[in-house]
Amino acid sequence: LSCNVYPALKPFSLQQSKKVVY
């Protein structure tokens, strides 16, 4: 989700999505 919303912050969005989504 975060990756699609924040494509510019891929490395950060991945970690953020894991903490938020999972």
Protein backbone atom coordinates (compact mmCIF):
# COMPACT_ATOMS: atom_id res chain seq x y z
CA LEU A 1 0.00 0.00 0.00
CA SER A 2 2.64 2.52 1.09
CA CYS A 3 4.76 1.59 -1.94
CA ASN A 4 1.91 2.63 -4.24
CA VAL A 5 1.21 5.78 -2.25
CA TYR A 6 4.85 6.78 -1.78
CA PRO A 7 6.74 5.38 -4.82
CA ALA A 8 9.48 7.96 -4.27
CA LEU A 9 10.24 6.44 -0.85
CA LYS A 10 10.50 2.81 -1.90
CA PRO A 11 13.22 1.77 0.62
CA PHE A 12 11.44 3.61 3.43
CA SER A 13 7.90 2.72 2.32
CA LEU A 14 8.80 -0.98 2.32
CA GLN A 15 9.88 -0.85 5.97
CA GLN A 16 6.96 1.41 6.86
CA SER A 17 4.43 -0.83 5.08
CA LYS A 18 5.79 -3.90 6.89
CA LYS A 19 5.32 -2.19 10.26
CA VAL A 20 1.90 -0.74 9.41
CA VAL A 21 0.37 -3.42 7.16
CA TYR A 22 1.87 -6.39 8.95
